[in-house]
């Protein structure tokens, strides 16, 4: 398992390896009448678009090609394109992503009094770090507490 930590840097979420190297970041950019969210990974920008009923699903784009998308109703993330894969998630005390019953990602939130939370991730070596960043983004969205899944 790979171990990562995630901390806030201003409003960005930064994914850091055990050796303290930045793996990628989730950026929330708000300007007067414009709001955009995206992931930077391997010097590339992946746009995040909120879609679906109540905008509670996301699509991750690479140059207008959907790379991953979520399906909150069925609690899954789908990798599109060649080699389609379906991952299932649970958003409880720990956030988990599985494929065919095998745990791939587990995220624990460390709440700190008077400070921003830190997140601790354990990720299977087979998992693409872009998927890790998307699952982190999706798990930390405010609407995920609406469904009453929280323990």
N, C-alpha and C. Protein backbone atom coordinates (compact mmCIF):
# COMPACT_ATOMS: atom_id res chain seq x y z
N UNK A 1 0.84 -1.19 0.00
CA UNK A 1 0.00 0.00 0.00
C UNK A 1 0.88 1.25 0.00
N UNK A 2 0.46 2.23 -0.79
CA UNK A 2 1.12 3.53 -0.76
C UNK A 2 0.42 4.35 0.32
N UNK A 3 1.17 5.18 1.02
CA UNK A 3 0.59 6.03 2.05
C UNK A 3 0.80 7.49 1.65
N UNK A 4 -0.30 8.25 1.73
CA UNK A 4 -0.27 9.66 1.41
C UNK A 4 -0.89 10.46 2.55
N UNK A 5 -0.54 11.72 2.59
CA UNK A 5 -1.27 12.65 3.45
C UNK A 5 -1.76 13.79 2.54
N UNK A 6 -2.82 14.41 2.99
CA UNK A 6 -3.39 15.52 2.24
C UNK A 6 -3.61 16.66 3.21
N UNK A 7 -3.17 17.83 2.83
CA UNK A 7 -3.39 19.00 3.66
C UNK A 7 -3.87 20.15 2.77
N UNK A 8 -4.45 21.12 3.43
CA UNK A 8 -4.91 22.31 2.72
C UNK A 8 -3.75 23.28 2.56
N UNK A 9 -3.69 23.88 1.40
CA UNK A 9 -2.77 24.97 1.14
C UNK A 9 -3.66 26.07 0.55
N UNK A 10 -4.00 27.05 1.38
CA UNK A 10 -5.06 28.00 1.08
C UNK A 10 -6.34 27.20 0.88
N UNK A 11 -6.98 27.23 -0.28
CA UNK A 11 -8.20 26.44 -0.50
C UNK A 11 -7.92 25.15 -1.27
N UNK A 12 -6.68 24.95 -1.68
CA UNK A 12 -6.31 23.76 -2.44
C UNK A 12 -6.07 22.58 -1.51
N UNK A 13 -6.38 21.37 -2.00
CA UNK A 13 -6.02 20.14 -1.31
C UNK A 13 -4.78 19.59 -2.00
N UNK A 14 -3.73 19.34 -1.23
CA UNK A 14 -2.46 18.89 -1.80
C UNK A 14 -2.17 17.46 -1.34
N UNK A 15 -2.00 16.55 -2.30
CA UNK A 15 -1.69 15.15 -2.03
C UNK A 15 -0.17 15.00 -2.00
N UNK A 16 0.34 14.46 -0.86
CA UNK A 16 1.77 14.37 -0.64
C UNK A 16 2.15 12.92 -0.33
N UNK A 17 3.24 12.45 -0.93
CA UNK A 17 3.72 11.08 -0.69
C UNK A 17 4.43 11.00 0.67
N UNK A 18 4.77 9.78 1.07
CA UNK A 18 5.49 9.58 2.34
C UNK A 18 6.81 10.34 2.35
N UNK A 19 7.44 10.47 1.19
CA UNK A 19 8.72 11.19 1.10
C UNK A 19 8.52 12.70 0.98
N UNK A 20 7.28 13.16 1.21
CA UNK A 20 6.91 14.58 1.20
C UNK A 20 6.97 15.24 -0.17
N UNK A 21 6.87 14.43 -1.24
CA UNK A 21 6.81 14.98 -2.60
C UNK A 21 5.35 15.20 -2.97
N UNK A 22 5.07 16.33 -3.61
CA UNK A 22 3.70 16.60 -4.05
C UNK A 22 3.37 15.68 -5.22
N UNK A 23 2.23 14.98 -5.10
CA UNK A 23 1.77 14.07 -6.14
C UNK A 23 0.81 14.81 -7.07
N UNK A 24 -0.06 15.62 -6.49
CA UNK A 24 -1.04 16.38 -7.26
C UNK A 24 -1.83 17.26 -6.33
N UNK A 25 -2.70 18.09 -6.92
CA UNK A 25 -3.51 18.97 -6.08
C UNK A 25 -4.87 19.20 -6.71
N UNK A 26 -5.83 19.47 -5.81
CA UNK A 26 -7.19 19.80 -6.21
C UNK A 26 -7.35 21.29 -5.98
N UNK A 27 -7.64 22.02 -7.04
CA UNK A 27 -7.67 23.48 -6.97
C UNK A 27 -9.09 23.97 -7.11
N UNK A 28 -9.47 24.85 -6.21
CA UNK A 28 -10.76 25.54 -6.28
C UNK A 28 -10.45 27.00 -6.50
N UNK A 29 -10.81 27.49 -7.67
CA UNK A 29 -10.48 28.85 -8.08
C UNK A 29 -11.77 29.65 -8.19
N UNK A 30 -11.95 30.61 -7.31
CA UNK A 30 -13.17 31.42 -7.31
C UNK A 30 -12.79 32.86 -7.62
N UNK A 31 -13.38 33.35 -8.68
CA UNK A 31 -13.24 34.75 -9.04
C UNK A 31 -14.65 35.33 -9.10
N UNK A 32 -14.79 36.58 -9.10
CA UNK A 32 -16.06 37.29 -8.98
C UNK A 32 -17.28 36.48 -9.41
N UNK A 33 -17.46 36.21 -10.68
CA UNK A 33 -18.62 35.46 -11.16
C UNK A 33 -18.21 34.13 -11.78
N UNK A 34 -17.03 33.67 -11.49
CA UNK A 34 -16.52 32.46 -12.12
C UNK A 34 -15.95 31.54 -11.04
N UNK A 35 -16.33 30.28 -11.11
CA UNK A 35 -15.81 29.28 -10.18
C UNK A 35 -15.39 28.07 -10.99
N UNK A 36 -14.17 27.61 -10.76
CA UNK A 36 -13.72 26.40 -11.44
C UNK A 36 -12.97 25.51 -10.46
N UNK A 37 -13.11 24.22 -10.67
CA UNK A 37 -12.37 23.24 -9.90
C UNK A 37 -11.62 22.36 -10.90
N UNK A 38 -10.40 22.03 -10.53
CA UNK A 38 -9.64 21.13 -11.39
C UNK A 38 -8.56 20.44 -10.59
N UNK A 39 -8.02 19.40 -11.19
CA UNK A 39 -6.94 18.63 -10.58
C UNK A 39 -5.70 18.86 -11.42
N UNK A 40 -4.58 19.11 -10.76
CA UNK A 40 -3.30 19.13 -11.47
C UNK A 40 -2.56 17.87 -11.07
N UNK A 41 -2.08 17.16 -12.09
CA UNK A 41 -1.39 15.89 -11.87
C UNK A 41 -0.45 15.67 -13.05
N UNK A 42 0.80 15.37 -12.76
CA UNK A 42 1.81 15.17 -13.82
C UNK A 42 1.85 16.33 -14.80
N UNK A 43 1.86 17.55 -14.27
CA UNK A 43 1.93 18.78 -15.06
C UNK A 43 0.76 18.94 -16.03
N UNK A 44 -0.35 18.29 -15.77
CA UNK A 44 -1.52 18.36 -16.61
C UNK A 44 -2.71 18.84 -15.80
N UNK A 45 -3.63 19.53 -16.47
CA UNK A 45 -4.83 20.04 -15.82
C UNK A 45 -6.02 19.18 -16.23
N UNK A 46 -6.76 18.70 -15.25
CA UNK A 46 -7.97 17.92 -15.47
C UNK A 46 -9.14 18.72 -14.91
N UNK A 47 -10.06 19.13 -15.76
CA UNK A 47 -11.20 19.93 -15.32
C UNK A 47 -12.24 19.06 -14.65
N UNK A 48 -12.88 19.62 -13.62
CA UNK A 48 -13.95 18.94 -12.90
C UNK A 48 -15.24 19.68 -13.19
N UNK A 49 -16.25 18.95 -13.62
CA UNK A 49 -17.55 19.54 -13.89
C UNK A 49 -18.60 18.83 -13.03
N UNK A 50 -19.40 19.62 -12.31
CA UNK A 50 -20.51 19.06 -11.53
C UNK A 50 -21.69 18.86 -12.45
N UNK A 51 -22.27 17.66 -12.42
CA UNK A 51 -23.37 17.30 -13.30
C UNK A 51 -24.43 16.53 -12.53
N UNK A 52 -25.53 16.24 -13.20
CA UNK A 52 -26.56 15.39 -12.63
C UNK A 52 -27.54 16.12 -11.74
N UNK A 53 -28.43 15.35 -11.15
CA UNK A 53 -29.46 15.87 -10.26
C UNK A 53 -28.80 16.57 -9.08
N UNK A 54 -29.15 17.80 -8.83
CA UNK A 54 -28.56 18.63 -7.77
C UNK A 54 -27.05 18.80 -7.92
N UNK A 55 -26.54 18.54 -9.11
CA UNK A 55 -25.10 18.69 -9.40
C UNK A 55 -24.26 17.86 -8.43
N UNK A 56 -24.76 16.67 -8.04
CA UNK A 56 -24.04 15.88 -7.05
C UNK A 56 -23.17 14.78 -7.66
N UNK A 57 -22.97 14.82 -8.94
CA UNK A 57 -22.01 13.94 -9.59
C UNK A 57 -20.96 14.79 -10.27
N UNK A 58 -19.80 14.20 -10.54
CA UNK A 58 -18.74 14.95 -11.21
C UNK A 58 -18.22 14.17 -12.41
N UNK A 59 -17.72 14.94 -13.36
CA UNK A 59 -17.01 14.39 -14.51
C UNK A 59 -15.62 15.00 -14.51
N UNK A 60 -14.62 14.18 -14.75
CA UNK A 60 -13.24 14.64 -14.81
C UNK A 60 -12.81 14.60 -16.27
N UNK A 61 -12.37 15.74 -16.78
CA UNK A 61 -12.04 15.89 -18.20
C UNK A 61 -10.55 16.10 -18.41
N UNK A 62 -10.07 15.55 -19.51
CA UNK A 62 -8.73 15.82 -20.01
C UNK A 62 -8.92 16.26 -21.46
N UNK A 63 -8.80 17.55 -21.72
CA UNK A 63 -9.00 18.10 -23.07
C UNK A 63 -10.36 17.69 -23.64
N UNK A 64 -11.43 17.91 -22.89
CA UNK A 64 -12.80 17.63 -23.28
C UNK A 64 -13.12 16.15 -23.47
N UNK A 65 -12.25 15.26 -23.03
CA UNK A 65 -12.52 13.82 -23.05
C UNK A 65 -12.73 13.41 -21.60
N UNK A 66 -13.88 12.77 -21.32
CA UNK A 66 -14.16 12.36 -19.94
C UNK A 66 -13.24 11.20 -19.58
N UNK A 67 -12.49 11.38 -18.48
CA UNK A 67 -11.57 10.36 -18.00
C UNK A 67 -12.27 9.48 -16.96
N UNK A 68 -12.90 10.12 -15.99
CA UNK A 68 -13.67 9.44 -14.94
C UNK A 68 -14.96 10.20 -14.73
N UNK A 69 -16.00 9.48 -14.27
CA UNK A 69 -17.22 10.16 -13.83
C UNK A 69 -17.84 9.37 -12.68
N UNK A 70 -18.64 10.06 -11.88
CA UNK A 70 -19.23 9.44 -10.70
C UNK A 70 -20.72 9.18 -10.93
N UNK A 71 -21.24 8.27 -10.15
CA UNK A 71 -22.66 7.94 -10.15
C UNK A 71 -23.06 7.77 -8.68
N UNK A 72 -23.48 8.87 -8.05
CA UNK A 72 -23.80 8.86 -6.62
C UNK A 72 -24.92 7.88 -6.31
N UNK A 73 -25.93 7.79 -7.18
CA UNK A 73 -27.07 6.91 -6.93
C UNK A 73 -26.64 5.45 -6.75
N UNK A 74 -25.64 5.03 -7.50
CA UNK A 74 -25.17 3.64 -7.40
C UNK A 74 -23.83 3.56 -6.66
N UNK A 75 -23.38 4.67 -6.12
CA UNK A 75 -22.14 4.76 -5.32
C UNK A 75 -20.95 4.15 -6.07
N UNK A 76 -20.68 4.76 -7.23
CA UNK A 76 -19.57 4.23 -8.01
C UNK A 76 -18.87 5.34 -8.79
N UNK A 77 -17.63 5.05 -9.16
CA UNK A 77 -16.83 5.88 -10.06
C UNK A 77 -16.50 5.00 -11.25
N UNK A 78 -16.65 5.57 -12.45
CA UNK A 78 -16.43 4.79 -13.66
C UNK A 78 -15.29 5.42 -14.45
N UNK A 79 -14.33 4.59 -14.83
CA UNK A 79 -13.25 5.02 -15.72
C UNK A 79 -13.75 4.79 -17.14
N UNK A 80 -13.74 5.86 -17.93
CA UNK A 80 -14.26 5.75 -19.30
C UNK A 80 -13.14 5.50 -20.29
N UNK A 81 -13.52 5.33 -21.54
CA UNK A 81 -12.53 5.09 -22.59
C UNK A 81 -12.20 3.62 -22.70
N UNK A 82 -11.03 3.33 -23.24
CA UNK A 82 -10.61 1.94 -23.36
C UNK A 82 -10.30 1.40 -21.98
N UNK A 83 -10.64 0.16 -21.74
CA UNK A 83 -10.38 -0.45 -20.44
C UNK A 83 -11.30 0.10 -19.37
N UNK A 84 -12.60 0.19 -19.66
CA UNK A 84 -13.58 0.71 -18.70
C UNK A 84 -13.48 -0.08 -17.40
N UNK A 85 -13.49 0.65 -16.28
CA UNK A 85 -13.47 0.02 -14.96
C UNK A 85 -14.54 0.67 -14.10
N UNK A 86 -15.12 -0.12 -13.21
CA UNK A 86 -16.13 0.39 -12.29
C UNK A 86 -15.64 0.17 -10.87
N UNK A 87 -15.62 1.25 -10.10
CA UNK A 87 -15.19 1.22 -8.71
C UNK A 87 -16.38 1.60 -7.85
N UNK A 88 -16.51 1.00 -6.67
CA UNK A 88 -17.60 1.31 -5.76
C UNK A 88 -17.05 1.99 -4.52
N UNK A 89 -17.81 2.96 -4.01
CA UNK A 89 -17.33 3.68 -2.83
C UNK A 89 -18.31 3.61 -1.68
N UNK A 90 -17.75 3.78 -0.48
CA UNK A 90 -18.52 3.91 0.75
C UNK A 90 -18.00 5.18 1.42
N UNK A 91 -18.92 6.06 1.77
CA UNK A 91 -18.54 7.33 2.40
C UNK A 91 -19.08 7.32 3.83
N UNK A 92 -18.37 6.66 4.71
CA UNK A 92 -18.76 6.58 6.11
C UNK A 92 -17.67 7.24 6.94
N UNK A 93 -17.34 6.67 8.11
CA UNK A 93 -16.26 7.26 8.93
C UNK A 93 -14.95 7.27 8.16
N UNK A 94 -14.65 6.15 7.52
CA UNK A 94 -13.53 6.13 6.58
C UNK A 94 -14.15 6.02 5.20
N UNK A 95 -13.54 6.66 4.25
CA UNK A 95 -14.04 6.62 2.88
C UNK A 95 -13.26 5.54 2.14
N UNK A 96 -14.00 4.64 1.50
CA UNK A 96 -13.36 3.51 0.86
C UNK A 96 -13.78 3.38 -0.59
N UNK A 97 -12.82 2.98 -1.42
CA UNK A 97 -13.08 2.70 -2.83
C UNK A 97 -12.64 1.27 -3.09
N UNK A 98 -13.54 0.48 -3.70
CA UNK A 98 -13.23 -0.92 -3.97
C UNK A 98 -13.47 -1.24 -5.44
N UNK A 99 -12.84 -2.31 -5.86
CA UNK A 99 -13.11 -2.88 -7.19
C UNK A 99 -13.20 -4.38 -7.02
N UNK A 100 -14.32 -4.95 -7.44
CA UNK A 100 -14.57 -6.39 -7.31
C UNK A 100 -14.34 -6.86 -5.87
N UNK A 101 -14.78 -6.06 -4.91
CA UNK A 101 -14.69 -6.42 -3.50
C UNK A 101 -13.33 -6.19 -2.86
N UNK A 102 -12.35 -5.77 -3.63
CA UNK A 102 -10.99 -5.54 -3.11
C UNK A 102 -10.82 -4.06 -2.76
N UNK A 103 -10.36 -3.79 -1.54
CA UNK A 103 -10.15 -2.42 -1.08
C UNK A 103 -8.97 -1.81 -1.83
N UNK A 104 -9.21 -0.66 -2.49
CA UNK A 104 -8.16 0.02 -3.24
C UNK A 104 -7.69 1.29 -2.56
N UNK A 105 -8.64 2.06 -2.02
CA UNK A 105 -8.30 3.33 -1.37
C UNK A 105 -9.09 3.44 -0.08
N UNK A 106 -8.41 3.88 0.97
CA UNK A 106 -9.09 4.20 2.22
C UNK A 106 -8.59 5.56 2.68
N UNK A 107 -9.54 6.44 3.02
CA UNK A 107 -9.20 7.80 3.45
C UNK A 107 -9.77 8.00 4.85
N UNK A 108 -8.92 8.47 5.75
CA UNK A 108 -9.34 8.84 7.10
C UNK A 108 -9.10 10.33 7.28
N UNK A 109 -10.07 10.99 7.88
CA UNK A 109 -9.95 12.43 8.14
C UNK A 109 -9.50 12.64 9.58
N UNK A 110 -8.46 13.43 9.76
CA UNK A 110 -8.00 13.82 11.10
C UNK A 110 -8.44 15.25 11.33
N UNK A 111 -9.46 15.39 12.18
CA UNK A 111 -9.96 16.73 12.48
C UNK A 111 -9.08 17.34 13.55
N UNK A 112 -8.69 18.59 13.32
CA UNK A 112 -7.80 19.28 14.27
C UNK A 112 -8.50 20.53 14.76
N UNK A 113 -8.53 20.66 16.06
CA UNK A 113 -9.23 21.79 16.68
C UNK A 113 -8.60 23.12 16.24
N UNK A 114 -9.44 23.98 15.66
CA UNK A 114 -8.99 25.30 15.25
C UNK A 114 -8.15 25.33 13.99
N UNK A 115 -7.97 24.17 13.34
CA UNK A 115 -7.17 24.11 12.11
C UNK A 115 -7.92 23.28 11.08
N UNK A 116 -7.45 23.36 9.85
CA UNK A 116 -8.02 22.55 8.78
C UNK A 116 -7.72 21.07 9.03
N UNK A 117 -8.59 20.20 8.56
CA UNK A 117 -8.38 18.76 8.66
C UNK A 117 -7.18 18.33 7.83
N UNK A 118 -6.61 17.21 8.22
CA UNK A 118 -5.59 16.52 7.43
C UNK A 118 -6.19 15.17 7.08
N UNK A 119 -5.91 14.68 5.90
CA UNK A 119 -6.43 13.39 5.47
C UNK A 119 -5.28 12.41 5.32
N UNK A 120 -5.52 11.17 5.72
CA UNK A 120 -4.53 10.10 5.61
C UNK A 120 -5.09 9.07 4.64
N UNK A 121 -4.30 8.72 3.64
CA UNK A 121 -4.75 7.78 2.61
C UNK A 121 -3.84 6.57 2.56
N UNK A 122 -4.47 5.41 2.38
CA UNK A 122 -3.76 4.18 2.06
C UNK A 122 -4.30 3.74 0.71
N UNK A 123 -3.40 3.57 -0.24
CA UNK A 123 -3.79 3.33 -1.63
C UNK A 123 -3.05 2.11 -2.16
N UNK A 124 -3.78 1.19 -2.76
CA UNK A 124 -3.17 0.01 -3.38
C UNK A 124 -2.21 0.47 -4.48
N UNK A 125 -1.11 -0.26 -4.62
CA UNK A 125 -0.09 0.11 -5.62
C UNK A 125 -0.63 0.11 -7.05
N UNK A 126 -1.70 -0.62 -7.32
CA UNK A 126 -2.25 -0.71 -8.67
C UNK A 126 -3.08 0.52 -9.05
N UNK A 127 -3.39 1.38 -8.09
CA UNK A 127 -4.32 2.49 -8.32
C UNK A 127 -3.60 3.70 -8.92
N UNK A 128 -4.19 4.23 -9.98
CA UNK A 128 -3.72 5.45 -10.63
C UNK A 128 -3.89 6.62 -9.66
N UNK A 129 -2.87 7.44 -9.50
CA UNK A 129 -2.96 8.58 -8.58
C UNK A 129 -4.02 9.59 -9.00
N UNK A 130 -4.35 9.64 -10.28
CA UNK A 130 -5.43 10.53 -10.73
C UNK A 130 -6.77 10.07 -10.14
N UNK A 131 -7.00 8.76 -10.12
CA UNK A 131 -8.21 8.22 -9.49
C UNK A 131 -8.20 8.55 -7.99
N UNK A 132 -7.06 8.46 -7.36
CA UNK A 132 -6.94 8.81 -5.94
C UNK A 132 -7.34 10.26 -5.71
N UNK A 133 -6.86 11.16 -6.55
CA UNK A 133 -7.20 12.58 -6.42
C UNK A 133 -8.70 12.82 -6.66
N UNK A 134 -9.27 12.15 -7.65
CA UNK A 134 -10.70 12.31 -7.91
C UNK A 134 -11.52 11.79 -6.73
N UNK A 135 -11.17 10.63 -6.20
CA UNK A 135 -11.91 10.07 -5.07
C UNK A 135 -11.78 10.98 -3.85
N UNK A 136 -10.61 11.54 -3.63
CA UNK A 136 -10.42 12.49 -2.54
C UNK A 136 -11.33 13.70 -2.73
N UNK A 137 -11.33 14.26 -3.93
CA UNK A 137 -12.18 15.41 -4.23
C UNK A 137 -13.64 15.08 -3.97
N UNK A 138 -14.09 13.97 -4.51
CA UNK A 138 -15.50 13.59 -4.39
C UNK A 138 -15.88 13.30 -2.93
N UNK A 139 -14.98 12.68 -2.19
CA UNK A 139 -15.25 12.34 -0.78
C UNK A 139 -15.36 13.57 0.10
N UNK A 140 -14.69 14.64 -0.26
CA UNK A 140 -14.69 15.85 0.57
C UNK A 140 -15.75 16.86 0.15
N UNK A 141 -16.56 16.52 -0.86
CA UNK A 141 -17.63 17.43 -1.29
C UNK A 141 -18.70 17.51 -0.21
N UNK A 142 -19.26 18.68 -0.02
CA UNK A 142 -20.26 18.91 1.02
C UNK A 142 -21.51 18.06 0.84
N UNK A 143 -21.93 17.81 -0.40
CA UNK A 143 -23.19 17.10 -0.62
C UNK A 143 -23.13 15.64 -0.22
N UNK A 144 -21.96 15.08 0.00
CA UNK A 144 -21.87 13.66 0.35
C UNK A 144 -22.46 13.35 1.71
N UNK A 145 -22.69 14.34 2.55
CA UNK A 145 -23.32 14.08 3.85
C UNK A 145 -24.84 14.09 3.74
N UNK A 146 -25.38 14.49 2.59
CA UNK A 146 -26.83 14.59 2.40
C UNK A 146 -27.51 13.23 2.48
N UNK A 147 -26.86 12.21 1.91
CA UNK A 147 -27.49 10.90 1.82
C UNK A 147 -27.65 10.17 3.13
N UNK A 148 -27.12 10.68 4.23
CA UNK A 148 -27.27 10.04 5.52
C UNK A 148 -26.37 8.83 5.68
N UNK A 149 -25.31 8.71 4.87
CA UNK A 149 -24.41 7.59 4.97
C UNK A 149 -23.44 7.71 6.13
N UNK A 150 -23.24 8.92 6.61
CA UNK A 150 -22.23 9.15 7.65
C UNK A 150 -22.54 8.39 8.92
N UNK A 151 -21.50 7.86 9.55
CA UNK A 151 -21.66 7.15 10.83
C UNK A 151 -21.38 8.06 11.98
